Amino acid sequence: MPIAIKAAFGGGGKGLKVARTVEEIPELYESAVREATAAFGRGECFVERYLDKPRHVEAQVLADMHGNVVVAGLRDCSLQRRYQKLVEEAPAPFLTDAQRKEIYEAAKRICREAHYHGAGTVEFLVGQDGLISFLEVNTRLQVEHPITEETAGIDLVLQQFKIANGDKLDITEDPTPRGHAFEFRINGEDAGRNFLPAPDR
């Protein structure tokens, strides 16, 4: 304990409940199933270890149809509200060289084993104890991809088109990041009304 009860077909924090005691599990499980069914049309859930205050680090990958995989860079997306990213930072700071190497190698291994090709993001959680846990793979370019483009000097959209065309990656090594970039998500919400959506303000 604690454990996370998560919607199997969801994302973005919907259908995610944290149980800190065994007694809470039945009620939170039912709540997660209801929320997942309403949001995603399916209620299947799974359970995993819950990490308190982990860092959310993601590896931007490019993988061609010839078995080549590069990591264009790492992003830190730890600043979140209700499991929704608010600030993204590249390159991900405060990782040891060993952690960075482990994330790069794991991201490449996952892509190769899955025979993945295209641009994608392999996401990890880094616990306060330094433990690195795999989270998920997003099989697309995410909203925050431009900060990796800025620090890697790579046009990820162009690379995605080249991969779709069957071309080999013209990037043969993981680029060394240069500079620093941030992305801030601005949400139209009314703070005086418990952050209800307010797109006109």
N, C-alpha and C. Protein backbone atom coordinates (compact mmCIF):
# COMPACT_ATOMS: atom_id res chain seq x y z
N MET A 1 0.86 -1.17 0.00
CA MET A 1 0.00 0.00 0.00
C MET A 1 0.91 1.23 0.00
N PRO A 2 0.52 2.32 -0.57
CA PRO A 2 -0.72 2.52 -1.29
C PRO A 2 -0.69 1.88 -2.68
N ILE A 3 -1.90 1.69 -3.24
CA ILE A 3 -2.01 1.16 -4.60
C ILE A 3 -2.83 2.14 -5.44
N ALA A 4 -2.62 2.06 -6.75
CA ALA A 4 -3.41 2.84 -7.69
C ALA A 4 -4.34 1.89 -8.43
N ILE A 5 -5.61 2.24 -8.47
CA ILE A 5 -6.60 1.51 -9.26
C ILE A 5 -6.82 2.36 -10.50
N LYS A 6 -6.51 1.80 -11.68
CA LYS A 6 -6.50 2.61 -12.90
C LYS A 6 -7.36 2.01 -14.00
N ALA A 7 -8.03 2.89 -14.73
CA ALA A 7 -8.81 2.47 -15.89
C ALA A 7 -7.87 1.91 -16.95
N ALA A 8 -8.16 0.70 -17.43
CA ALA A 8 -7.29 0.06 -18.42
C ALA A 8 -7.36 0.74 -19.78
N PHE A 9 -8.48 1.36 -20.10
CA PHE A 9 -8.63 1.97 -21.42
C PHE A 9 -8.72 3.49 -21.32
N GLY A 10 -8.17 4.05 -20.25
CA GLY A 10 -8.28 5.48 -20.02
C GLY A 10 -6.95 6.18 -20.03
N GLY A 11 -6.98 7.38 -19.53
CA GLY A 11 -5.79 8.20 -19.44
C GLY A 11 -6.15 9.56 -18.89
N GLY A 12 -5.13 10.38 -18.70
CA GLY A 12 -5.35 11.74 -18.23
C GLY A 12 -5.90 11.82 -16.82
N GLY A 13 -5.68 10.78 -16.01
CA GLY A 13 -6.13 10.81 -14.63
C GLY A 13 -7.57 10.38 -14.42
N LYS A 14 -8.32 10.15 -15.50
CA LYS A 14 -9.71 9.71 -15.36
C LYS A 14 -9.71 8.21 -15.03
N GLY A 15 -10.56 7.85 -14.06
CA GLY A 15 -10.61 6.45 -13.66
C GLY A 15 -9.42 6.02 -12.84
N LEU A 16 -8.77 6.97 -12.16
CA LEU A 16 -7.61 6.67 -11.32
C LEU A 16 -7.98 6.97 -9.87
N LYS A 17 -7.85 5.98 -9.02
CA LYS A 17 -8.15 6.12 -7.60
C LYS A 17 -6.98 5.56 -6.80
N VAL A 18 -6.66 6.21 -5.68
CA VAL A 18 -5.55 5.79 -4.83
C VAL A 18 -6.10 5.24 -3.52
N ALA A 19 -5.79 3.99 -3.23
CA ALA A 19 -6.21 3.36 -1.97
C ALA A 19 -5.00 3.28 -1.05
N ARG A 20 -5.17 3.83 0.16
CA ARG A 20 -4.08 3.80 1.13
C ARG A 20 -4.31 2.75 2.21
N THR A 21 -5.54 2.22 2.26
CA THR A 21 -5.85 1.13 3.19
C THR A 21 -6.63 0.05 2.43
N VAL A 22 -6.57 -1.17 2.94
CA VAL A 22 -7.29 -2.29 2.32
C VAL A 22 -8.79 -2.04 2.35
N GLU A 23 -9.27 -1.41 3.42
CA GLU A 23 -10.70 -1.17 3.58
C GLU A 23 -11.27 -0.26 2.48
N GLU A 24 -10.46 0.63 1.95
CA GLU A 24 -10.92 1.56 0.91
C GLU A 24 -11.08 0.92 -0.47
N ILE A 25 -10.44 -0.21 -0.68
CA ILE A 25 -10.34 -0.77 -2.04
C ILE A 25 -11.70 -1.02 -2.70
N PRO A 26 -12.66 -1.70 -2.05
CA PRO A 26 -13.92 -1.98 -2.76
C PRO A 26 -14.64 -0.71 -3.25
N GLU A 27 -14.75 0.29 -2.39
CA GLU A 27 -15.44 1.52 -2.76
C GLU A 27 -14.70 2.27 -3.87
N LEU A 28 -13.38 2.36 -3.76
CA LEU A 28 -12.60 3.07 -4.78
C LEU A 28 -12.59 2.31 -6.10
N TYR A 29 -12.59 0.98 -6.03
CA TYR A 29 -12.65 0.18 -7.26
C TYR A 29 -13.96 0.46 -7.99
N GLU A 30 -15.07 0.42 -7.27
CA GLU A 30 -16.37 0.69 -7.90
C GLU A 30 -16.41 2.09 -8.49
N SER A 31 -15.84 3.05 -7.79
CA SER A 31 -15.79 4.43 -8.29
C SER A 31 -14.96 4.53 -9.57
N ALA A 32 -13.82 3.84 -9.60
CA ALA A 32 -12.96 3.86 -10.79
C ALA A 32 -13.68 3.22 -11.98
N VAL A 33 -14.39 2.12 -11.73
CA VAL A 33 -15.13 1.44 -12.81
C VAL A 33 -16.22 2.36 -13.36
N ARG A 34 -16.97 3.01 -12.48
CA ARG A 34 -18.04 3.94 -12.93
C ARG A 34 -17.45 5.08 -13.76
N GLU A 35 -16.37 5.67 -13.25
CA GLU A 35 -15.76 6.80 -13.95
C GLU A 35 -15.19 6.38 -15.30
N ALA A 36 -14.54 5.22 -15.33
CA ALA A 36 -13.97 4.72 -16.59
C ALA A 36 -15.06 4.41 -17.60
N THR A 37 -16.14 3.80 -17.15
CA THR A 37 -17.24 3.47 -18.05
C THR A 37 -17.86 4.73 -18.63
N ALA A 38 -18.06 5.74 -17.78
CA ALA A 38 -18.64 7.01 -18.25
C ALA A 38 -17.72 7.73 -19.22
N ALA A 39 -16.42 7.70 -18.95
CA ALA A 39 -15.47 8.46 -19.77
C ALA A 39 -15.02 7.72 -21.02
N PHE A 40 -14.85 6.39 -20.92
CA PHE A 40 -14.22 5.64 -22.01
C PHE A 40 -15.08 4.50 -22.57
N GLY A 41 -16.26 4.29 -21.98
CA GLY A 41 -17.14 3.25 -22.48
C GLY A 41 -16.78 1.84 -22.03
N ARG A 42 -15.73 1.72 -21.24
CA ARG A 42 -15.29 0.42 -20.73
C ARG A 42 -14.83 0.61 -19.29
N GLY A 43 -15.13 -0.39 -18.45
CA GLY A 43 -14.84 -0.23 -17.04
C GLY A 43 -13.70 -1.06 -16.49
N GLU A 44 -12.98 -1.80 -17.36
CA GLU A 44 -11.89 -2.63 -16.84
C GLU A 44 -10.83 -1.77 -16.16
N CYS A 45 -10.34 -2.27 -15.03
CA CYS A 45 -9.30 -1.57 -14.28
C CYS A 45 -8.18 -2.54 -13.93
N PHE A 46 -7.02 -1.98 -13.62
CA PHE A 46 -5.91 -2.78 -13.11
C PHE A 46 -5.33 -2.08 -11.90
N VAL A 47 -4.49 -2.80 -11.18
CA VAL A 47 -3.91 -2.28 -9.94
C VAL A 47 -2.40 -2.27 -10.07
N GLU A 48 -1.77 -1.20 -9.56
CA GLU A 48 -0.31 -1.13 -9.52
C GLU A 48 0.12 -0.38 -8.28
N ARG A 49 1.39 -0.48 -7.97
CA ARG A 49 1.96 0.26 -6.84
C ARG A 49 1.79 1.75 -7.11
N TYR A 50 1.39 2.50 -6.09
CA TYR A 50 1.25 3.95 -6.22
C TYR A 50 2.48 4.62 -5.65
N LEU A 51 3.08 5.49 -6.42
CA LEU A 51 4.26 6.23 -5.97
C LEU A 51 3.83 7.61 -5.51
N ASP A 52 4.11 7.94 -4.25
CA ASP A 52 3.80 9.28 -3.74
C ASP A 52 4.79 10.29 -4.29
N LYS A 53 4.28 11.33 -4.88
CA LYS A 53 5.08 12.45 -5.39
C LYS A 53 6.24 12.00 -6.29
N PRO A 54 5.97 11.19 -7.29
CA PRO A 54 7.05 10.80 -8.20
C PRO A 54 7.33 11.91 -9.19
N ARG A 55 8.45 11.82 -9.86
CA ARG A 55 8.72 12.68 -11.01
C ARG A 55 8.21 11.94 -12.23
N HIS A 56 7.63 12.69 -13.15
CA HIS A 56 7.09 12.13 -14.39
C HIS A 56 8.06 12.50 -15.50
N VAL A 57 8.79 11.51 -15.99
CA VAL A 57 9.83 11.75 -17.01
C VAL A 57 9.48 10.95 -18.25
N GLU A 58 9.55 11.61 -19.40
CA GLU A 58 9.21 10.91 -20.64
C GLU A 58 10.33 11.03 -21.66
N ALA A 59 10.49 9.94 -22.40
CA ALA A 59 11.51 9.87 -23.46
C ALA A 59 10.82 10.01 -24.81
N GLN A 60 11.22 11.02 -25.57
CA GLN A 60 10.70 11.20 -26.93
C GLN A 60 11.50 10.30 -27.85
N VAL A 61 10.82 9.36 -28.49
CA VAL A 61 11.51 8.40 -29.35
C VAL A 61 11.12 8.58 -30.81
N LEU A 62 12.05 8.18 -31.67
CA LEU A 62 11.82 8.04 -33.11
C LEU A 62 12.29 6.65 -33.47
N ALA A 63 11.42 5.88 -34.10
CA ALA A 63 11.77 4.50 -34.46
C ALA A 63 11.35 4.24 -35.90
N ASP A 64 12.31 3.81 -36.72
CA ASP A 64 11.97 3.56 -38.13
C ASP A 64 11.59 2.10 -38.34
N MET A 65 11.26 1.75 -39.57
CA MET A 65 10.82 0.39 -39.89
C MET A 65 11.98 -0.57 -40.11
N HIS A 66 13.21 -0.08 -39.87
CA HIS A 66 14.42 -0.88 -40.08
C HIS A 66 15.08 -1.26 -38.76
N GLY A 67 14.38 -1.04 -37.63
CA GLY A 67 14.91 -1.41 -36.33
C GLY A 67 15.74 -0.36 -35.64
N ASN A 68 15.85 0.83 -36.23
CA ASN A 68 16.63 1.91 -35.62
C ASN A 68 15.74 2.73 -34.69
N VAL A 69 16.24 2.99 -33.49
CA VAL A 69 15.51 3.78 -32.50
C VAL A 69 16.47 4.80 -31.90
N VAL A 70 16.03 6.05 -31.84
CA VAL A 70 16.79 7.08 -31.14
C VAL A 70 15.88 7.75 -30.12
N VAL A 71 16.49 8.23 -29.05
CA VAL A 71 15.78 9.04 -28.08
C VAL A 71 16.17 10.49 -28.37
N ALA A 72 15.19 11.28 -28.79
CA ALA A 72 15.46 12.67 -29.14
C ALA A 72 15.68 13.54 -27.91
N GLY A 73 15.20 13.08 -26.77
CA GLY A 73 15.40 13.83 -25.54
C GLY A 73 14.44 13.40 -24.46
N LEU A 74 14.68 13.90 -23.25
CA LEU A 74 13.83 13.62 -22.10
C LEU A 74 13.11 14.89 -21.68
N ARG A 75 11.87 14.71 -21.23
CA ARG A 75 11.09 15.83 -20.70
C ARG A 75 10.63 15.49 -19.29
N ASP A 76 10.55 16.51 -18.45
CA ASP A 76 9.98 16.35 -17.12
C ASP A 76 8.60 16.99 -17.13
N CYS A 77 7.59 16.20 -16.79
CA CYS A 77 6.20 16.67 -16.78
C CYS A 77 5.60 16.48 -15.40
N SER A 78 6.38 16.71 -14.37
CA SER A 78 5.96 16.41 -13.00
C SER A 78 4.95 17.40 -12.44
N LEU A 79 4.97 18.65 -12.91
CA LEU A 79 4.06 19.65 -12.37
C LEU A 79 2.68 19.44 -13.00
N GLN A 80 1.79 18.83 -12.21
CA GLN A 80 0.47 18.46 -12.70
C GLN A 80 -0.59 18.84 -11.68
N ARG A 81 -1.82 18.94 -12.16
CA ARG A 81 -2.98 19.12 -11.29
C ARG A 81 -4.03 18.11 -11.72
N ARG A 82 -4.49 17.32 -10.79
CA ARG A 82 -5.44 16.25 -11.09
C ARG A 82 -4.92 15.33 -12.20
N TYR A 83 -3.64 15.04 -12.16
CA TYR A 83 -2.96 14.15 -13.11
C TYR A 83 -2.98 14.70 -14.53
N GLN A 84 -3.16 16.01 -14.67
CA GLN A 84 -3.10 16.67 -15.97
C GLN A 84 -1.84 17.53 -15.99
N LYS A 85 -1.03 17.39 -17.02
CA LYS A 85 0.22 18.13 -17.11
C LYS A 85 -0.05 19.63 -17.24
N LEU A 86 0.71 20.42 -16.48
CA LEU A 86 0.61 21.88 -16.55
C LEU A 86 1.88 22.50 -17.11
N VAL A 87 3.04 21.98 -16.70
CA VAL A 87 4.32 22.52 -17.16
C VAL A 87 5.19 21.35 -17.60
N GLU A 88 5.81 21.51 -18.77
CA GLU A 88 6.75 20.51 -19.27
C GLU A 88 8.11 21.18 -19.44
N GLU A 89 9.16 20.45 -19.17
CA GLU A 89 10.52 21.00 -19.21
C GLU A 89 11.45 20.05 -19.94
N ALA A 90 12.28 20.62 -20.80
CA ALA A 90 13.28 19.80 -21.52
C ALA A 90 14.62 20.52 -21.52
N PRO A 91 15.70 19.78 -21.35
CA PRO A 91 15.74 18.37 -20.98
C PRO A 91 15.32 18.19 -19.52
N ALA A 92 14.94 16.97 -19.16
CA ALA A 92 14.52 16.68 -17.79
C ALA A 92 15.69 16.91 -16.84
N PRO A 93 15.52 17.78 -15.84
CA PRO A 93 16.62 18.06 -14.91
C PRO A 93 16.67 17.05 -13.76
N PHE A 94 17.74 17.14 -12.98
CA PHE A 94 17.89 16.42 -11.71
C PHE A 94 17.89 14.91 -11.82
N LEU A 95 18.28 14.39 -12.98
CA LEU A 95 18.48 12.94 -13.11
C LEU A 95 19.97 12.66 -13.02
N THR A 96 20.32 11.55 -12.41
CA THR A 96 21.72 11.15 -12.43
C THR A 96 22.05 10.61 -13.82
N ASP A 97 23.32 10.52 -14.12
CA ASP A 97 23.72 9.93 -15.41
C ASP A 97 23.21 8.50 -15.52
N ALA A 98 23.24 7.76 -14.40
CA ALA A 98 22.77 6.37 -14.42
C ALA A 98 21.27 6.30 -14.69
N GLN A 99 20.49 7.20 -14.10
CA GLN A 99 19.05 7.22 -14.35
C GLN A 99 18.75 7.57 -15.80
N ARG A 100 19.45 8.57 -16.30
CA ARG A 100 19.25 8.99 -17.69
C ARG A 100 19.55 7.82 -18.63
N LYS A 101 20.66 7.13 -18.37
CA LYS A 101 21.05 5.99 -19.21
C LYS A 101 20.00 4.88 -19.13
N GLU A 102 19.50 4.60 -17.93
CA GLU A 102 18.49 3.55 -17.76
C GLU A 102 17.21 3.88 -18.52
N ILE A 103 16.78 5.14 -18.48
CA ILE A 103 15.56 5.55 -19.18
C ILE A 103 15.77 5.46 -20.69
N TYR A 104 16.90 5.94 -21.18
CA TYR A 104 17.19 5.86 -22.63
C TYR A 104 17.17 4.40 -23.09
N GLU A 105 17.87 3.54 -22.36
CA GLU A 105 17.96 2.13 -22.77
C GLU A 105 16.61 1.43 -22.69
N ALA A 106 15.84 1.71 -21.63
CA ALA A 106 14.53 1.07 -21.48
C ALA A 106 13.58 1.52 -22.58
N ALA A 107 13.59 2.81 -22.91
CA ALA A 107 12.71 3.32 -23.97
C ALA A 107 13.02 2.65 -25.31
N LYS A 108 14.29 2.53 -25.61
CA LYS A 108 14.69 1.88 -26.88
C LYS A 108 14.31 0.41 -26.89
N ARG A 109 14.54 -0.26 -25.76
CA ARG A 109 14.24 -1.69 -25.67
C ARG A 109 12.74 -1.94 -25.84
N ILE A 110 11.92 -1.12 -25.21
CA ILE A 110 10.46 -1.25 -25.32
C ILE A 110 10.03 -1.08 -26.77
N CYS A 111 10.56 -0.08 -27.45
CA CYS A 111 10.19 0.16 -28.85
C CYS A 111 10.62 -0.99 -29.75
N ARG A 112 11.82 -1.50 -29.52
CA ARG A 112 12.31 -2.61 -30.35
C ARG A 112 11.48 -3.88 -30.11
N GLU A 113 11.21 -4.19 -28.86
CA GLU A 113 10.45 -5.40 -28.53
C GLU A 113 9.04 -5.34 -29.10
N ALA A 114 8.45 -4.14 -29.14
CA ALA A 114 7.09 -3.98 -29.66
C ALA A 114 7.06 -3.79 -31.17
N HIS A 115 8.24 -3.76 -31.80
CA HIS A 115 8.35 -3.48 -33.24
C HIS A 115 7.63 -2.17 -33.58
N TYR A 116 7.82 -1.20 -32.70
CA TYR A 116 7.18 0.10 -32.87
C TYR A 116 7.90 0.91 -33.93
N HIS A 117 7.15 1.65 -34.72
CA HIS A 117 7.77 2.61 -35.62
C HIS A 117 6.93 3.87 -35.67
N GLY A 118 7.63 5.00 -35.73
CA GLY A 118 7.00 6.31 -35.71
C GLY A 118 7.59 7.14 -34.59
N ALA A 119 6.98 8.29 -34.36
CA ALA A 119 7.34 9.11 -33.21
C ALA A 119 6.46 8.66 -32.05
N GLY A 120 7.01 8.66 -30.88
CA GLY A 120 6.23 8.25 -29.71
C GLY A 120 6.91 8.72 -28.44
N THR A 121 6.21 8.52 -27.35
CA THR A 121 6.73 8.92 -26.05
C THR A 121 6.63 7.75 -25.09
N VAL A 122 7.76 7.38 -24.50
CA VAL A 122 7.78 6.32 -23.50
C VAL A 122 7.88 7.02 -22.14
N GLU A 123 6.87 6.79 -21.30
CA GLU A 123 6.77 7.54 -20.05
C GLU A 123 7.16 6.68 -18.85
N PHE A 124 7.81 7.33 -17.90
CA PHE A 124 8.29 6.67 -16.68
C PHE A 124 7.96 7.53 -15.47
N LEU A 125 7.86 6.88 -14.32
CA LEU A 125 7.79 7.58 -13.04
C LEU A 125 9.09 7.31 -12.30
N VAL A 126 9.65 8.35 -11.70
CA VAL A 126 10.87 8.22 -10.92
C VAL A 126 10.49 8.49 -9.47
N GLY A 127 10.53 7.45 -8.64
CA GLY A 127 10.15 7.57 -7.24
C GLY A 127 11.15 8.38 -6.44
N GLN A 128 10.73 8.80 -5.27
CA GLN A 128 11.62 9.58 -4.41
C GLN A 128 12.84 8.77 -4.01
N ASP A 129 12.72 7.44 -4.04
CA ASP A 129 13.85 6.58 -3.72
C ASP A 129 14.74 6.31 -4.94
N GLY A 130 14.40 6.92 -6.09
CA GLY A 130 15.20 6.75 -7.31
C GLY A 130 14.73 5.62 -8.20
N LEU A 131 13.76 4.82 -7.73
CA LEU A 131 13.24 3.71 -8.52
C LEU A 131 12.55 4.24 -9.77
N ILE A 132 12.89 3.67 -10.92
CA ILE A 132 12.28 4.06 -12.19
C ILE A 132 11.26 3.01 -12.57
N SER A 133 10.02 3.45 -12.80
CA SER A 133 8.94 2.53 -13.16
C SER A 133 8.36 2.94 -14.50
N PHE A 134 8.14 1.96 -15.37
CA PHE A 134 7.50 2.21 -16.66
C PHE A 134 6.05 2.61 -16.43
N LEU A 135 5.58 3.61 -17.17
CA LEU A 135 4.20 4.07 -17.05
C LEU A 135 3.37 3.68 -18.27
N GLU A 136 3.77 4.18 -19.46
CA GLU A 136 3.00 3.90 -20.67
C GLU A 136 3.77 4.38 -21.88
N VAL A 137 3.25 4.01 -23.06
CA VAL A 137 3.77 4.54 -24.32
C VAL A 137 2.63 5.28 -25.00
N ASN A 138 2.87 6.51 -25.38
CA ASN A 138 1.92 7.27 -26.18
C ASN A 138 2.39 7.20 -27.62
N THR A 139 1.58 6.60 -28.46
CA THR A 139 1.99 6.29 -29.84
C THR A 139 1.61 7.44 -30.77
N ARG A 140 2.12 8.61 -30.43
CA ARG A 140 1.84 9.81 -31.22
C ARG A 140 2.80 10.90 -30.77
N LEU A 141 2.77 12.02 -31.47
CA LEU A 141 3.46 13.20 -30.98
C LEU A 141 2.53 13.87 -29.97
N GLN A 142 3.05 14.17 -28.81
CA GLN A 142 2.23 14.79 -27.77
C GLN A 142 2.28 16.31 -27.89
N VAL A 143 1.38 16.94 -27.15
CA VAL A 143 1.30 18.41 -27.15
C VAL A 143 2.66 19.03 -26.85
N GLU A 144 3.42 18.41 -25.95
CA GLU A 144 4.68 19.01 -25.50
C GLU A 144 5.87 18.71 -26.39
N HIS A 145 5.67 18.10 -27.54
CA HIS A 145 6.82 17.72 -28.38
C HIS A 145 7.68 18.91 -28.84
N PRO A 146 7.13 20.14 -29.00
CA PRO A 146 7.99 21.23 -29.47
C PRO A 146 9.18 21.57 -28.56
N ILE A 147 9.05 21.30 -27.25
CA ILE A 147 10.20 21.64 -26.40
C ILE A 147 11.35 20.68 -26.63
N THR A 148 11.04 19.46 -27.04
CA THR A 148 12.11 18.54 -27.42
C THR A 148 12.70 18.96 -28.76
N GLU A 149 11.87 19.41 -29.69
CA GLU A 149 12.38 19.90 -30.97
C GLU A 149 13.37 21.05 -30.73
N GLU A 150 13.02 21.94 -29.81
CA GLU A 150 13.88 23.09 -29.52
C GLU A 150 15.23 22.67 -28.95
N THR A 151 15.22 21.72 -28.03
CA THR A 151 16.48 21.35 -27.35
C THR A 151 17.28 20.31 -28.13
N ALA A 152 16.62 19.57 -29.02
CA ALA A 152 17.33 18.55 -29.81
C ALA A 152 17.71 19.06 -31.19
N GLY A 153 17.04 20.12 -31.65
CA GLY A 153 17.31 20.62 -33.00
C GLY A 153 16.77 19.70 -34.08
N ILE A 154 15.68 18.99 -33.78
CA ILE A 154 15.09 18.03 -34.71
C ILE A 154 13.64 18.41 -34.99
N ASP A 155 13.24 18.34 -36.25
CA ASP A 155 11.84 18.53 -36.63
C ASP A 155 11.17 17.16 -36.51
N LEU A 156 10.48 16.94 -35.41
CA LEU A 156 9.87 15.63 -35.14
C LEU A 156 8.74 15.30 -36.11
N VAL A 157 8.00 16.31 -36.54
CA VAL A 157 6.91 16.07 -37.50
C VAL A 157 7.49 15.60 -38.83
N LEU A 158 8.54 16.25 -39.30
CA LEU A 158 9.20 15.84 -40.54
C LEU A 158 9.73 14.41 -40.41
N GLN A 159 10.36 14.11 -39.28
CA GLN A 159 10.89 12.76 -39.06
C GLN A 159 9.76 11.73 -39.07
N GLN A 160 8.62 12.08 -38.52
CA GLN A 160 7.48 11.16 -38.50
C GLN A 160 7.01 10.87 -39.93
N PHE A 161 6.97 11.89 -40.78
CA PHE A 161 6.60 11.67 -42.18
C PHE A 161 7.61 10.78 -42.90
N LYS A 162 8.89 11.01 -42.63
CA LYS A 162 9.94 10.19 -43.27
C LYS A 162 9.81 8.73 -42.84
N ILE A 163 9.55 8.51 -41.57
CA ILE A 163 9.38 7.14 -41.07
C ILE A 163 8.17 6.49 -41.74
N ALA A 164 7.06 7.23 -41.84
CA ALA A 164 5.85 6.70 -42.48
C ALA A 164 6.09 6.36 -43.94
N ASN A 165 7.04 7.07 -44.56
CA ASN A 165 7.40 6.82 -45.95
C ASN A 165 8.31 5.60 -46.11
N GLY A 166 8.76 5.03 -44.99
CA GLY A 166 9.64 3.86 -45.03
C GLY A 166 11.11 4.20 -45.03
N ASP A 167 11.44 5.48 -44.87
CA ASP A 167 12.85 5.89 -44.87
C ASP A 167 13.55 5.45 -43.58
N LYS A 168 14.86 5.23 -43.70
CA LYS A 168 15.68 4.99 -42.50
C LYS A 168 15.87 6.33 -41.79
N LEU A 169 16.00 6.26 -40.47
CA LEU A 169 16.30 7.48 -39.71
C LEU A 169 17.61 8.07 -40.21
N ASP A 170 17.61 9.38 -40.42
CA ASP A 170 18.87 10.02 -40.79
C ASP A 170 19.61 10.51 -39.54
N ILE A 171 19.02 10.27 -38.38
CA ILE A 171 19.66 10.57 -37.09
C ILE A 171 20.19 9.24 -36.58
N THR A 172 21.49 9.13 -36.45
CA THR A 172 22.07 7.84 -36.07
C THR A 172 22.42 7.75 -34.59
N GLU A 173 22.47 8.89 -33.90
CA GLU A 173 22.80 8.90 -32.47
C GLU A 173 21.80 9.76 -31.72
N ASP A 174 21.63 9.46 -30.44
CA ASP A 174 20.78 10.30 -29.61
C ASP A 174 21.38 11.69 -29.55
N PRO A 175 20.62 12.73 -29.89
CA PRO A 175 21.20 14.07 -29.88
C PRO A 175 21.51 14.55 -28.46
N THR A 176 22.57 15.32 -28.34
CA THR A 176 22.90 15.95 -27.06
C THR A 176 22.05 17.21 -26.93
N PRO A 177 21.29 17.34 -25.84
CA PRO A 177 20.43 18.52 -25.72
C PRO A 177 21.24 19.80 -25.63
N ARG A 178 20.67 20.84 -26.21
CA ARG A 178 21.29 22.17 -26.13
C ARG A 178 20.23 23.15 -25.64
N GLY A 179 20.61 23.94 -24.66
CA GLY A 179 19.66 24.91 -24.11
C GLY A 179 18.62 24.25 -23.22
N HIS A 180 17.56 25.01 -23.00
CA HIS A 180 16.50 24.58 -22.08
C HIS A 180 15.19 25.14 -22.60
N ALA A 181 14.10 24.40 -22.49
CA ALA A 181 12.80 24.87 -22.98
C ALA A 181 11.69 24.44 -22.03
N PHE A 182 10.67 25.28 -21.95
CA PHE A 182 9.49 25.01 -21.14
C PHE A 182 8.24 25.15 -21.99
N GLU A 183 7.21 24.40 -21.61
CA GLU A 183 5.88 24.61 -22.19
C GLU A 183 4.92 24.74 -21.02
N PHE A 184 4.06 25.76 -21.11
CA PHE A 184 3.07 26.00 -20.07
C PHE A 184 1.68 25.83 -20.68
N ARG A 185 0.85 25.05 -20.04
CA ARG A 185 -0.53 24.89 -20.51
C ARG A 185 -1.41 25.89 -19.76
N ILE A 186 -2.13 26.67 -20.51
CA ILE A 186 -3.01 27.68 -19.93
C ILE A 186 -4.44 27.18 -20.07
N ASN A 187 -5.11 27.02 -18.94
CA ASN A 187 -6.47 26.50 -18.94
C ASN A 187 -7.45 27.61 -18.60
N GLY A 188 -8.53 27.72 -19.38
CA GLY A 188 -9.59 28.69 -19.08
C GLY A 188 -10.48 28.15 -17.98
N GLU A 189 -10.20 28.54 -16.73
CA GLU A 189 -10.95 28.05 -15.58
C GLU A 189 -11.25 29.20 -14.63
N ASP A 190 -12.32 29.05 -13.88
CA ASP A 190 -12.72 30.06 -12.91
C ASP A 190 -12.30 29.58 -11.52
N ALA A 191 -11.25 30.20 -10.97
CA ALA A 191 -10.73 29.79 -9.65
C ALA A 191 -11.76 30.02 -8.55
N GLY A 192 -12.64 31.00 -8.72
CA GLY A 192 -13.67 31.28 -7.72
C GLY A 192 -14.82 30.28 -7.73
N ARG A 193 -14.86 29.43 -8.74
CA ARG A 193 -15.92 28.41 -8.85
C ARG A 193 -15.31 27.01 -8.91
N ASN A 194 -14.31 26.79 -8.05
CA ASN A 194 -13.65 25.48 -7.94
C ASN A 194 -13.05 25.04 -9.27
N PHE A 195 -12.49 25.99 -10.00
CA PHE A 195 -11.79 25.73 -11.26
C PHE A 195 -12.69 25.08 -12.32
N LEU A 196 -13.95 25.47 -12.34
CA LEU A 196 -14.83 25.02 -13.42
C LEU A 196 -14.35 25.62 -14.74
N PRO A 197 -14.55 24.92 -15.84
CA PRO A 197 -14.14 25.48 -17.14
C PRO A 197 -14.81 26.83 -17.38
N ALA A 198 -14.03 27.79 -17.84
CA ALA A 198 -14.53 29.13 -18.15
C ALA A 198 -13.76 29.65 -19.35
N PRO A 199 -14.00 29.09 -20.54
CA PRO A 199 -13.19 29.44 -21.70
C PRO A 199 -13.33 30.87 -22.18
N ASP A 200 -14.38 31.59 -21.73
CA ASP A 200 -14.58 32.96 -22.20
C ASP A 200 -13.90 34.00 -21.34
N ARG A 201 -13.16 33.57 -20.30
CA ARG A 201 -12.56 34.55 -19.39
C ARG A 201 -11.06 34.58 -19.52
